[in-house]
Amino acid sequence: MRNDSSPALAAKHWVLNVLAVTNKLNSLYNSKRILFETISNRNIRITRLGSVVIDA
């Protein structure tokens, strides 16, 4: 039986969420210059050159 709450599945969902957020910001700003870095507690710090920092 498969465990749907496995760490691997949680990581997959987290990565998909990161990609969705990045894609949304890219479409909003019409730019591929959005940089993001993962923080140890799984927060995502998203910055755009010349812009404020957004913690999601």
N, C-alpha and C. Protein backbone atom coordinates (compact mmCIF):
# COMPACT_ATOMS: atom_id res chain seq x y z
N MET A 1 0.84 -1.18 0.00
CA MET A 1 0.00 0.00 0.00
C MET A 1 0.89 1.25 0.00
N ARG A 2 0.50 2.23 -0.76
CA ARG A 2 1.28 3.45 -0.90
C ARG A 2 0.94 4.44 0.21
N ASN A 3 1.96 5.10 0.71
CA ASN A 3 1.77 6.09 1.75
C ASN A 3 1.77 7.48 1.11
N ASP A 4 0.60 8.12 1.03
CA ASP A 4 0.49 9.42 0.37
C ASP A 4 1.06 10.56 1.20
N SER A 5 1.46 10.30 2.43
CA SER A 5 2.05 11.35 3.25
C SER A 5 3.56 11.17 3.38
N SER A 6 4.16 10.48 2.45
CA SER A 6 5.59 10.22 2.51
C SER A 6 6.38 11.51 2.30
N PRO A 7 7.61 11.58 2.84
CA PRO A 7 8.45 12.76 2.63
C PRO A 7 8.73 13.02 1.15
N ALA A 8 8.87 11.98 0.35
CA ALA A 8 9.13 12.16 -1.08
C ALA A 8 7.95 12.84 -1.76
N LEU A 9 6.74 12.44 -1.40
CA LEU A 9 5.56 13.05 -2.00
C LEU A 9 5.40 14.50 -1.54
N ALA A 10 5.68 14.74 -0.27
CA ALA A 10 5.62 16.11 0.25
C ALA A 10 6.63 17.00 -0.47
N ALA A 11 7.83 16.48 -0.71
CA ALA A 11 8.86 17.24 -1.42
C ALA A 11 8.43 17.53 -2.85
N LYS A 12 7.81 16.55 -3.48
CA LYS A 12 7.34 16.74 -4.86
C LYS A 12 6.29 17.85 -4.92
N HIS A 13 5.35 17.85 -3.99
CA HIS A 13 4.32 18.89 -3.95
C HIS A 13 4.94 20.26 -3.70
N TRP A 14 5.94 20.30 -2.82
CA TRP A 14 6.62 21.56 -2.50
C TRP A 14 7.32 22.12 -3.74
N VAL A 15 8.02 21.25 -4.48
CA VAL A 15 8.72 21.69 -5.69
C VAL A 15 7.72 22.19 -6.73
N LEU A 16 6.61 21.48 -6.89
CA LEU A 16 5.59 21.93 -7.84
C LEU A 16 5.02 23.29 -7.44
N ASN A 17 4.88 23.52 -6.14
CA ASN A 17 4.40 24.81 -5.66
C ASN A 17 5.41 25.91 -5.96
N VAL A 18 6.69 25.63 -5.76
CA VAL A 18 7.75 26.60 -6.07
C VAL A 18 7.70 26.97 -7.55
N LEU A 19 7.57 25.96 -8.41
CA LEU A 19 7.52 26.21 -9.84
C LEU A 19 6.28 27.02 -10.23
N ALA A 20 5.15 26.73 -9.58
CA ALA A 20 3.93 27.47 -9.88
C ALA A 20 4.05 28.93 -9.48
N VAL A 21 4.63 29.18 -8.30
CA VAL A 21 4.82 30.56 -7.83
C VAL A 21 5.77 31.30 -8.76
N THR A 22 6.87 30.65 -9.14
CA THR A 22 7.85 31.28 -10.03
C THR A 22 7.23 31.59 -11.38
N ASN A 23 6.46 30.65 -11.92
CA ASN A 23 5.80 30.86 -13.20
C ASN A 23 4.82 32.03 -13.12
N LYS A 24 4.07 32.11 -12.03
CA LYS A 24 3.10 33.21 -11.85
C LYS A 24 3.82 34.55 -11.80
N LEU A 25 4.91 34.63 -11.05
CA LEU A 25 5.66 35.88 -10.97
C LEU A 25 6.28 36.23 -12.31
N ASN A 26 6.79 35.25 -13.03
CA ASN A 26 7.35 35.50 -14.36
C ASN A 26 6.30 36.09 -15.28
N SER A 27 5.07 35.58 -15.21
CA SER A 27 4.02 36.10 -16.09
C SER A 27 3.58 37.49 -15.64
N LEU A 28 3.58 37.75 -14.34
CA LEU A 28 3.19 39.07 -13.84
C LEU A 28 4.19 40.14 -14.24
N TYR A 29 5.47 39.81 -14.12
CA TYR A 29 6.52 40.78 -14.40
C TYR A 29 7.05 40.68 -15.82
N ASN A 30 6.59 39.69 -16.58
CA ASN A 30 7.05 39.47 -17.95
C ASN A 30 8.58 39.42 -18.00
N SER A 31 9.16 38.70 -17.06
CA SER A 31 10.61 38.67 -16.95
C SER A 31 11.06 37.30 -16.47
N LYS A 32 12.20 36.86 -16.96
CA LYS A 32 12.78 35.61 -16.48
C LYS A 32 13.91 35.89 -15.49
N ARG A 33 14.01 37.13 -15.01
CA ARG A 33 15.10 37.49 -14.11
C ARG A 33 14.72 37.31 -12.64
N ILE A 34 13.72 36.51 -12.39
CA ILE A 34 13.32 36.26 -11.01
C ILE A 34 14.22 35.18 -10.42
N LEU A 35 14.78 35.47 -9.30
CA LEU A 35 15.66 34.54 -8.62
C LEU A 35 14.96 34.07 -7.35
N PHE A 36 15.12 32.80 -7.05
CA PHE A 36 14.57 32.35 -5.78
C PHE A 36 15.55 31.40 -5.12
N GLU A 37 15.55 31.40 -3.84
CA GLU A 37 16.40 30.51 -3.10
C GLU A 37 15.57 29.88 -1.97
N THR A 38 15.86 28.65 -1.71
CA THR A 38 15.13 28.00 -0.64
C THR A 38 15.84 28.27 0.68
N ILE A 39 15.07 28.50 1.68
CA ILE A 39 15.57 28.75 3.01
C ILE A 39 15.42 27.44 3.80
N SER A 40 16.23 27.26 4.82
CA SER A 40 16.26 25.98 5.52
C SER A 40 14.90 25.56 6.07
N ASN A 41 14.04 26.50 6.40
CA ASN A 41 12.72 26.13 6.93
C ASN A 41 11.66 26.06 5.85
N ARG A 42 12.09 25.90 4.60
CA ARG A 42 11.23 25.72 3.43
C ARG A 42 10.46 26.96 3.02
N ASN A 43 10.83 28.11 3.56
CA ASN A 43 10.26 29.34 3.01
C ASN A 43 10.96 29.61 1.69
N ILE A 44 10.33 30.35 0.84
CA ILE A 44 10.90 30.67 -0.46
C ILE A 44 11.13 32.17 -0.49
N ARG A 45 12.36 32.56 -0.71
CA ARG A 45 12.65 33.99 -0.85
C ARG A 45 12.75 34.28 -2.33
N ILE A 46 11.90 35.15 -2.80
CA ILE A 46 11.82 35.47 -4.21
C ILE A 46 12.21 36.93 -4.40
N THR A 47 13.16 37.18 -5.27
CA THR A 47 13.59 38.54 -5.52
C THR A 47 13.60 38.81 -7.01
N ARG A 48 13.46 40.04 -7.36
CA ARG A 48 13.59 40.46 -8.74
C ARG A 48 14.56 41.62 -8.73
N LEU A 49 15.47 41.66 -9.68
CA LEU A 49 16.47 42.71 -9.70
C LEU A 49 15.79 44.07 -9.64
N GLY A 50 16.21 44.90 -8.67
CA GLY A 50 15.63 46.22 -8.53
C GLY A 50 14.30 46.25 -7.82
N SER A 51 13.90 45.15 -7.21
CA SER A 51 12.60 45.08 -6.55
C SER A 51 12.75 44.69 -5.09
N VAL A 52 11.66 44.74 -4.38
CA VAL A 52 11.65 44.33 -2.99
C VAL A 52 11.68 42.81 -2.90
N VAL A 53 12.00 42.31 -1.72
CA VAL A 53 12.04 40.87 -1.47
C VAL A 53 10.69 40.42 -0.96
N ILE A 54 10.21 39.31 -1.48
CA ILE A 54 8.93 38.73 -1.05
C ILE A 54 9.23 37.38 -0.40
N ASP A 55 8.79 37.18 0.82
CA ASP A 55 8.90 35.87 1.46
C ASP A 55 7.55 35.20 1.34
N ALA A 56 7.53 34.01 0.73
CA ALA A 56 6.27 33.29 0.54
C ALA A 56 6.25 32.06 1.42
